[in-house]
C-alpha atoms as a PDB file:
ATOM      1  CA  MET A   1      17.179   1.459   7.660  1.00  0.00           C
ATOM      2  CA  LEU A   2      14.041   3.084   9.212  1.00  0.00           C
ATOM      3  CA  LYS A   3      11.296   0.625   9.945  1.00  0.00           C
ATOM      4  CA  MET A   4       8.626   0.569   7.500  1.00  0.00           C
ATOM      5  CA  THR A   5       5.087  -0.737   7.406  1.00  0.00           C
ATOM      6  CA  LYS A   6       4.108  -3.461   5.068  1.00  0.00           C
ATOM      7  CA  LEU A   7       0.837  -2.698   3.231  1.00  0.00           C
ATOM      8  CA  TRP A   8      -0.935  -5.888   4.327  1.00  0.00           C
ATOM      9  CA  ALA A   9       0.016  -5.316   7.985  1.00  0.00           C
ATOM     10  CA  VAL A  10      -1.372  -1.716   7.868  1.00  0.00           C
ATOM     11  CA  LEU A  11      -4.473  -2.609   5.799  1.00  0.00           C
ATOM     12  CA  LEU A  12      -5.526  -5.870   7.441  1.00  0.00           C
ATOM     13  CA  VAL A  13      -3.643  -6.274  10.733  1.00  0.00           C
ATOM     14  CA  GLY A  14      -2.590  -2.749  11.827  1.00  0.00           C
ATOM     15  CA  MET A  15       0.979  -3.600  12.595  1.00  0.00           C
ATOM     16  CA  MET A  16       3.764  -1.025  12.175  1.00  0.00           C
ATOM     17  CA  VAL A  17       5.991  -1.260   9.158  1.00  0.00           C
ATOM     18  CA  PHE A  18       7.433   0.924   6.227  1.00  0.00           C
ATOM     19  CA  VAL A  19       4.898   3.072   4.425  1.00  0.00           C
ATOM     20  CA  GLY A  20       4.757   6.465   2.704  1.00  0.00           C
ATOM     21  CA  CYS A  21       2.441   8.658   0.850  1.00  0.00           C
ATOM     22  CA  LYS A  22       2.545  10.446  -2.498  1.00  0.00           C
ATOM     23  CA  GLY A  23      -0.393  12.854  -2.328  1.00  0.00           C
ATOM     24  CA  LYS A  24      -3.551  13.722  -0.307  1.00  0.00           C
ATOM     25  CA  SER A  25      -6.692  11.826  -0.423  1.00  0.00           C
ATOM     26  CA  LYS A  26     -10.002  13.751  -0.642  1.00  0.00           C
ATOM     27  CA  LYS A  27     -11.845  13.379   2.582  1.00  0.00           C
ATOM     28  CA  ARG A  28     -15.403  11.960   2.429  1.00  0.00           C
ATOM     29  CA  SER A  29     -17.998  11.437   4.988  1.00  0.00           C
ATOM     30  CA  SER A  30     -19.119   7.860   5.981  1.00  0.00           C
ATOM     31  CA  SER A  31     -22.360   8.439   3.949  1.00  0.00           C
ATOM     32  CA  ASP A  32     -20.310   9.221   0.864  1.00  0.00           C
ATOM     33  CA  ASP A  33     -18.462   5.964   1.305  1.00  0.00           C
ATOM     34  CA  ASP A  34     -21.831   4.124   0.984  1.00  0.00           C
ATOM     35  CA  GLU A  35     -22.784   5.975  -2.016  1.00  0.00           C
ATOM     36  CA  ARG A  36     -19.475   5.409  -3.886  1.00  0.00           C
ATOM     37  CA  THR A  37     -19.730   3.211  -7.034  1.00  0.00           C
ATOM     38  CA  PRO A  38     -16.781   0.996  -8.178  1.00  0.00           C
ATOM     39  CA  THR A  39     -15.527   1.796 -11.593  1.00  0.00           C
ATOM     40  CA  LYS A  40     -15.765  -1.814 -12.253  1.00  0.00           C
ATOM     41  CA  LYS A  41     -18.404  -3.787 -10.300  1.00  0.00           C
ATOM     42  CA  ALA A  42     -16.900  -7.127  -9.020  1.00  0.00           C
ATOM     43  CA  GLU A  43     -19.378  -9.886  -8.973  1.00  0.00           C
ATOM     44  CA  THR A  44     -17.064 -12.351  -7.130  1.00  0.00           C
ATOM     45  CA  PRO A  45     -14.454 -11.988  -4.412  1.00  0.00           C
ATOM     46  CA  LYS A  46     -11.694 -12.896  -6.791  1.00  0.00           C
ATOM     47  CA  GLU A  47     -12.665 -10.345  -9.252  1.00  0.00           C
ATOM     48  CA  ALA A  48     -12.635  -7.649  -6.434  1.00  0.00           C
ATOM     49  CA  ALA A  49      -9.195  -8.796  -5.349  1.00  0.00           C
ATOM     50  CA  ILE A  50      -7.921  -8.705  -8.813  1.00  0.00           C
ATOM     51  CA  ALA A  51      -9.234  -5.152  -9.538  1.00  0.00           C
ATOM     52  CA  PHE A  52      -7.820  -4.127  -6.216  1.00  0.00           C
ATOM     53  CA  THR A  53      -4.281  -5.376  -6.872  1.00  0.00           C
ATOM     54  CA  LYS A  54      -4.425  -4.204 -10.419  1.00  0.00           C
ATOM     55  CA  ALA A  55      -5.204  -0.679  -9.080  1.00  0.00           C
ATOM     56  CA  ILE A  56      -2.114  -0.885  -6.954  1.00  0.00           C
ATOM     57  CA  ALA A  57       0.090  -2.159  -9.682  1.00  0.00           C
ATOM     58  CA  LYS A  58      -1.006   0.603 -11.992  1.00  0.00           C
ATOM     59  CA  GLY A  59      -1.100   3.375  -9.263  1.00  0.00           C
ATOM     60  CA  ASP A  60      -4.681   4.035  -9.971  1.00  0.00           C
ATOM     61  CA  LYS A  61      -5.867   5.539  -6.884  1.00  0.00           C
ATOM     62  CA  GLU A  62      -9.467   6.161  -8.148  1.00  0.00           C
ATOM     63  CA  GLN A  63      -9.859   2.612  -8.899  1.00  0.00           C
ATOM     64  CA  TYR A  64      -8.317   1.525  -5.649  1.00  0.00           C
ATOM     65  CA  MET A  65     -10.617   3.788  -3.672  1.00  0.00           C
ATOM     66  CA  ALA A  66     -13.644   2.377  -5.694  1.00  0.00           C
ATOM     67  CA  MET A  67     -12.763  -1.214  -4.747  1.00  0.00           C
ATOM     68  CA  ILE A  68     -12.527  -0.760  -1.065  1.00  0.00           C
ATOM     69  CA  ALA A  69     -14.946  -0.682   1.990  1.00  0.00           C
ATOM     70  CA  THR A  70     -13.673   1.539   4.879  1.00  0.00           C
ATOM     71  CA  LYS A  71     -14.772   4.156   7.267  1.00  0.00           C
ATOM     72  CA  ASP A  72     -11.294   5.698   7.320  1.00  0.00           C
ATOM     73  CA  GLU A  73     -10.523   6.907   3.924  1.00  0.00           C
ATOM     74  CA  GLU A  74      -7.755   9.222   5.244  1.00  0.00           C
ATOM     75  CA  LEU A  75      -5.676   6.198   6.323  1.00  0.00           C
ATOM     76  CA  ALA A  76      -6.667   4.097   3.411  1.00  0.00           C
ATOM     77  CA  GLY A  77      -5.702   6.772   0.915  1.00  0.00           C
ATOM     78  CA  ALA A  78      -2.424   7.381   2.730  1.00  0.00           C
ATOM     79  CA  VAL A  79      -1.535   3.623   2.465  1.00  0.00           C
ATOM     80  CA  PHE A  80      -2.028   3.774  -1.299  1.00  0.00           C
ATOM     81  CA  ASP A  81       0.026   6.811  -1.560  1.00  0.00           C
ATOM     82  CA  ALA A  82       2.568   5.074   0.477  1.00  0.00           C
ATOM     83  CA  VAL A  83       2.846   2.164  -1.852  1.00  0.00           C
ATOM     84  CA  SER A  84       2.996   4.463  -4.891  1.00  0.00           C
ATOM     85  CA  ALA A  85       5.860   6.486  -3.471  1.00  0.00           C
ATOM     86  CA  SER A  86       7.972   3.655  -2.392  1.00  0.00           C
ATOM     87  CA  ARG A  87       7.325   1.698  -5.527  1.00  0.00           C
ATOM     88  CA  SER A  88       8.283   4.790  -7.702  1.00  0.00           C
ATOM     89  CA  PHE A  89      11.570   5.281  -5.797  1.00  0.00           C
ATOM     90  CA  ALA A  90      12.361   1.466  -5.941  1.00  0.00           C
ATOM     91  CA  ASP A  91      11.784   1.456  -9.742  1.00  0.00           C
ATOM     92  CA  ALA A  92      14.112   4.469 -10.316  1.00  0.00           C
ATOM     93  CA  PHE A  93      16.705   2.926  -7.964  1.00  0.00           C
ATOM     94  CA  VAL A  94      16.856  -0.417  -9.814  1.00  0.00           C
ATOM     95  CA  ALA A  95      16.816   1.280 -13.239  1.00  0.00           C
ATOM     96  CA  LYS A  96      20.080   3.114 -12.226  1.00  0.00           C
ATOM     97  CA  TYR A  97      21.771   0.843  -9.727  1.00  0.00           C
ATOM     98  CA  GLY A  98      20.519  -2.748 -10.651  1.00  0.00           C
ATOM     99  CA  ASP A  99      20.339  -5.262  -7.870  1.00  0.00           C
ATOM    100  CA  ALA A 100      22.147  -3.192  -5.283  1.00  0.00           C
ATOM    101  CA  HIS A 101      20.384  -3.238  -1.808  1.00  0.00           C
ATOM    102  CA  SER A 102      17.912  -5.736  -3.155  1.00  0.00           C
ATOM    103  CA  ASP A 103      16.472  -6.658   0.238  1.00  0.00           C
ATOM    104  CA  VAL A 104      15.506  -2.966   0.919  1.00  0.00           C
ATOM    105  CA  ILE A 105      14.130  -2.580  -2.615  1.00  0.00           C
ATOM    106  CA  SER A 106      12.038  -5.721  -2.231  1.00  0.00           C
ATOM    107  CA  ASN A 107      10.589  -4.149   1.117  1.00  0.00           C
ATOM    108  CA  LEU A 108       9.935  -0.956  -0.740  1.00  0.00           C
ATOM    109  CA  ARG A 109       8.076  -2.659  -3.618  1.00  0.00           C
ATOM    110  CA  MET A 110       6.292  -4.807  -0.929  1.00  0.00           C
ATOM    111  CA  ALA A 111       6.699  -7.700  -3.198  1.00  0.00           C
ATOM    112  CA  LYS A 112       6.562 -10.366  -0.569  1.00  0.00           C
ATOM    113  CA  GLU A 113       3.239  -8.972   0.787  1.00  0.00           C
ATOM    114  CA  ILE A 114       1.357  -7.653  -2.360  1.00  0.00           C
ATOM    115  CA  PRO A 115       0.357 -10.254  -4.947  1.00  0.00           C
ATOM    116  CA  THR A 116       0.165  -9.219  -8.544  1.00  0.00           C
ATOM    117  CA  PRO A 117      -3.206  -9.387 -10.284  1.00  0.00           C
ATOM    118  CA  GLU A 118      -1.830 -12.374 -12.254  1.00  0.00           C
ATOM    119  CA  GLU A 119      -1.082 -14.191  -8.983  1.00  0.00           C
ATOM    120  CA  VAL A 120      -4.419 -13.482  -7.571  1.00  0.00           C
ATOM    121  CA  LYS A 121      -6.053 -14.805 -10.723  1.00  0.00           C
ATOM    122  CA  ASP A 122      -3.900 -17.848 -11.128  1.00  0.00           C
ATOM    123  CA  LYS A 123      -3.137 -18.829  -7.436  1.00  0.00           C
ATOM    124  CA  GLY A 124      -5.778 -16.984  -5.288  1.00  0.00           C
ATOM    125  CA  GLU A 125      -7.614 -19.222  -2.847  1.00  0.00           C
ATOM    126  CA  VAL A 126     -11.171 -18.060  -2.108  1.00  0.00           C
ATOM    127  CA  THR A 127     -13.125 -18.913   0.956  1.00  0.00           C
ATOM    128  CA  GLU A 128     -16.584 -17.388   0.994  1.00  0.00           C
ATOM    129  CA  GLU A 129     -19.217 -17.290   3.766  1.00  0.00           C
ATOM    130  CA  GLY A 130     -22.360 -15.222   2.994  1.00  0.00           C
ATOM    131  CA  ASP A 131     -21.397 -11.729   2.446  1.00  0.00           C
ATOM    132  CA  LYS A 132     -17.848 -12.104   3.575  1.00  0.00           C
ATOM    133  CA  ALA A 133     -14.853 -13.644   1.942  1.00  0.00           C
ATOM    134  CA  LYS A 134     -11.154 -14.087   1.981  1.00  0.00           C
ATOM    135  CA  VAL A 135      -8.742 -14.240  -0.804  1.00  0.00           C
ATOM    136  CA  LYS A 136      -5.222 -15.710  -0.141  1.00  0.00           C
ATOM    137  CA  VAL A 137      -2.233 -16.171  -2.530  1.00  0.00           C
ATOM    138  CA  PRO A 138       0.186 -18.724  -1.038  1.00  0.00           C
ATOM    139  CA  GLY A 139       3.510 -16.991  -0.155  1.00  0.00           C
ATOM    140  CA  LYS A 140       1.999 -13.459  -0.187  1.00  0.00           C
ATOM    141  CA  GLY A 141       1.244 -12.100   3.284  1.00  0.00           C
ATOM    142  CA  GLU A 142      -0.042 -14.187   6.079  1.00  0.00           C
ATOM    143  CA  ASP A 143      -3.603 -12.970   6.304  1.00  0.00           C
ATOM    144  CA  GLY A 144      -4.688 -12.427   2.632  1.00  0.00           C
ATOM    145  CA  LEU A 145      -7.456 -10.030   1.637  1.00  0.00           C
ATOM    146  CA  ASP A 146     -10.719  -9.756   3.585  1.00  0.00           C
ATOM    147  CA  LEU A 147     -13.740  -8.849   1.356  1.00  0.00           C
ATOM    148  CA  ILE A 148     -17.265  -7.935   1.965  1.00  0.00           C
ATOM    149  CA  LYS A 149     -20.319  -7.767  -0.227  1.00  0.00           C
ATOM    150  CA  LYS A 150     -22.286  -4.664  -0.344  1.00  0.00           C
ATOM    151  CA  ASP A 151     -25.327  -4.058  -2.570  1.00  0.00           C
ATOM    152  CA  GLY A 152     -24.384  -7.042  -4.596  1.00  0.00           C
ATOM    153  CA  VAL A 153     -20.806  -5.733  -5.170  1.00  0.00           C
ATOM    154  CA  TRP A 154     -17.769  -7.307  -3.643  1.00  0.00           C
ATOM    155  CA  LEU A 155     -15.211  -4.885  -2.076  1.00  0.00           C
ATOM    156  CA  VAL A 156     -11.810  -5.295  -0.157  1.00  0.00           C
ATOM    157  CA  ASP A 157     -12.758  -4.681   3.525  1.00  0.00           C
ATOM    158  CA  LEU A 158     -10.106  -2.447   4.919  1.00  0.00           C
ATOM    159  CA  ASP A 159     -11.650  -1.772   8.316  1.00  0.00           C
ATOM    160  CA  LYS A 160     -10.742  -5.090   9.914  1.00  0.00           C
ATOM    161  CA  ASP A 161      -8.112  -4.266  12.614  1.00  0.00           C
ATOM    162  CA  MET A 162      -7.433  -0.875  11.080  1.00  0.00           C
ATOM    163  CA  PRO A 163      -5.085   1.104  13.291  1.00  0.00           C
ATOM    164  CA  LYS A 164      -6.717   3.739  15.408  1.00  0.00           C
ATOM    165  CA  GLY A 165      -5.824   6.485  17.923  1.00  0.00           C
ATOM    166  CA  GLU A 166      -2.167   6.847  18.566  1.00  0.00           C
ATOM    167  CA  GLU A 167      -1.203   3.892  16.314  1.00  0.00           C
ATOM    168  CA  LYS A 168      -2.922   5.502  13.422  1.00  0.00           C
ATOM    169  CA  GLU A 169      -1.211   8.806  14.014  1.00  0.00           C
ATOM    170  CA  THR A 170       2.095   6.987  13.884  1.00  0.00           C
ATOM    171  CA  VAL A 171       1.228   5.249  10.587  1.00  0.00           C
ATOM    172  CA  LEU A 172       0.102   8.639   9.145  1.00  0.00           C
ATOM    173  CA  LYS A 173       3.294  10.255  10.213  1.00  0.00           C
ATOM    174  CA  GLN A 174       5.327   7.569   8.458  1.00  0.00           C
ATOM    175  CA  CYS A 175       3.197   8.124   5.338  1.00  0.00           C
ATOM    176  CA  LYS A 176       3.907  11.821   5.415  1.00  0.00           C
ATOM    177  CA  ALA A 177       7.532  10.957   5.807  1.00  0.00           C
ATOM    178  CA  MET A 178       7.575   8.903   2.785  1.00  0.00           C
ATOM    179  CA  ALA A 179       5.450  11.457   0.803  1.00  0.00           C
ATOM    180  CA  THR A 180       7.933  14.218   1.704  1.00  0.00           C
ATOM    181  CA  VAL A 181      11.231  12.439   1.642  1.00  0.00           C
ATOM    182  CA  THR A 182      11.099   9.763  -1.023  1.00  0.00           C
ATOM    183  CA  PRO A 183      10.423  12.020  -4.082  1.00  0.00           C
ATOM    184  CA  LYS A 184      13.389  14.418  -2.945  1.00  0.00           C
ATOM    185  CA  VAL A 185      15.865  11.353  -2.474  1.00  0.00           C
ATOM    186  CA  LYS A 186      14.581   9.972  -5.836  1.00  0.00           C
ATOM    187  CA  ALA A 187      15.497  13.111  -7.503  1.00  0.00           C
ATOM    188  CA  LEU A 188      19.138  12.516  -6.459  1.00  0.00           C
ATOM    189  CA  ILE A 189      19.388   9.295  -8.171  1.00  0.00           C
ATOM    190  CA  GLY A 190      21.992   9.291 -10.946  1.00  0.00           C
ATOM    191  CA  LYS A 191      23.304  12.678  -9.754  1.00  0.00           C
ATOM    192  CA  GLU A 192      26.973  13.053  -9.600  1.00  0.00           C
ATOM    193  CA  GLY A 193      28.454  11.907  -6.361  1.00  0.00           C
ATOM    194  CA  TYR A 194      25.374   9.605  -5.619  1.00  0.00           C
ATOM    195  CA  ASP A 195      26.017   5.879  -5.872  1.00  0.00           C
ATOM    196  CA  ALA A 196      23.571   3.185  -4.572  1.00  0.00           C
ATOM    197  CA  ASP A 197      24.899   3.271  -1.045  1.00  0.00           C
ATOM    198  CA  LYS A 198      24.792   7.038  -0.638  1.00  0.00           C
ATOM    199  CA  ILE A 199      21.195   7.101  -1.973  1.00  0.00           C
ATOM    200  CA  MET A 200      20.233   4.572   0.612  1.00  0.00           C
ATOM    201  CA  ALA A 201      22.063   6.377   3.414  1.00  0.00           C
ATOM    202  CA  GLU A 202      20.389   9.624   2.430  1.00  0.00           C
ATOM    203  CA  LEU A 203      17.000   8.092   2.375  1.00  0.00           C
ATOM    204  CA  ASP A 204      17.617   6.579   5.770  1.00  0.00           C
ATOM    205  CA  LYS A 205      18.915   9.793   7.209  1.00  0.00           C
ATOM    206  CA  ARG A 206      16.075  12.055   5.969  1.00  0.00           C
ATOM    207  CA  LEU A 207      13.348   9.500   7.118  1.00  0.00           C
ATOM    208  CA  LYS A 208      14.757   9.443  10.461  1.00  0.00           C
ATOM    209  CA  GLU A 209      14.974  13.294  10.634  1.00  0.00           C
ATOM    210  CA  TYR A 210      11.451  13.610   9.452  1.00  0.00           C
ATOM    211  CA  THR A 211       9.968  11.148  11.911  1.00  0.00           C
ATOM    212  CA  GLY A 212      12.353  12.109  14.910  1.00  0.00           C
ATOM    213  CA  GLN A 213      13.912   8.649  15.119  1.00  0.00           C
ATOM    214  CA  GLU A 214      17.526   8.148  16.293  1.00  0.00           C
END
């Protein structure tokens, strides 16, 4: 299977993994970023982390963008689209084929990296220093979420170690691959002649073709 990027690695560490995107994010200038107001203002780091993970779980891109601090909205938006696309495919696959290819499905859902809002609420460990904080959920990603306080509001800080230059372009290419390929393969789920193995083989083949990987 084509290598994918894990959400936390892209957002917080900049390591390459399996991502995709579902749509296009509206480009804003850095000044617009400072003016953006969260739909729900988070007064604590944990509140911000809960709202952030809830936006991901619900596929609410507007709320997601409102809960982040970043100078690279193109990449941040693409990562969100990646998660939405991969999770949508995974949900449709499981609904039809059950627990087949459960390891790949787990990666597509990024279940090992992305905590649920409930996990953040019940298990989130917060360390706070001035206008910066970190929220970690045991067993969910190595680095946790970095947060920053701006104008009295806590936001998830996505600029720490964000991929740049050639690395960023590679991530964006993977995002576009998922955006283009995943919905097309998802449409084949349940079609005559397509069992679980063939769907996964088709996904792998098309992603490799799109990205130029052997």
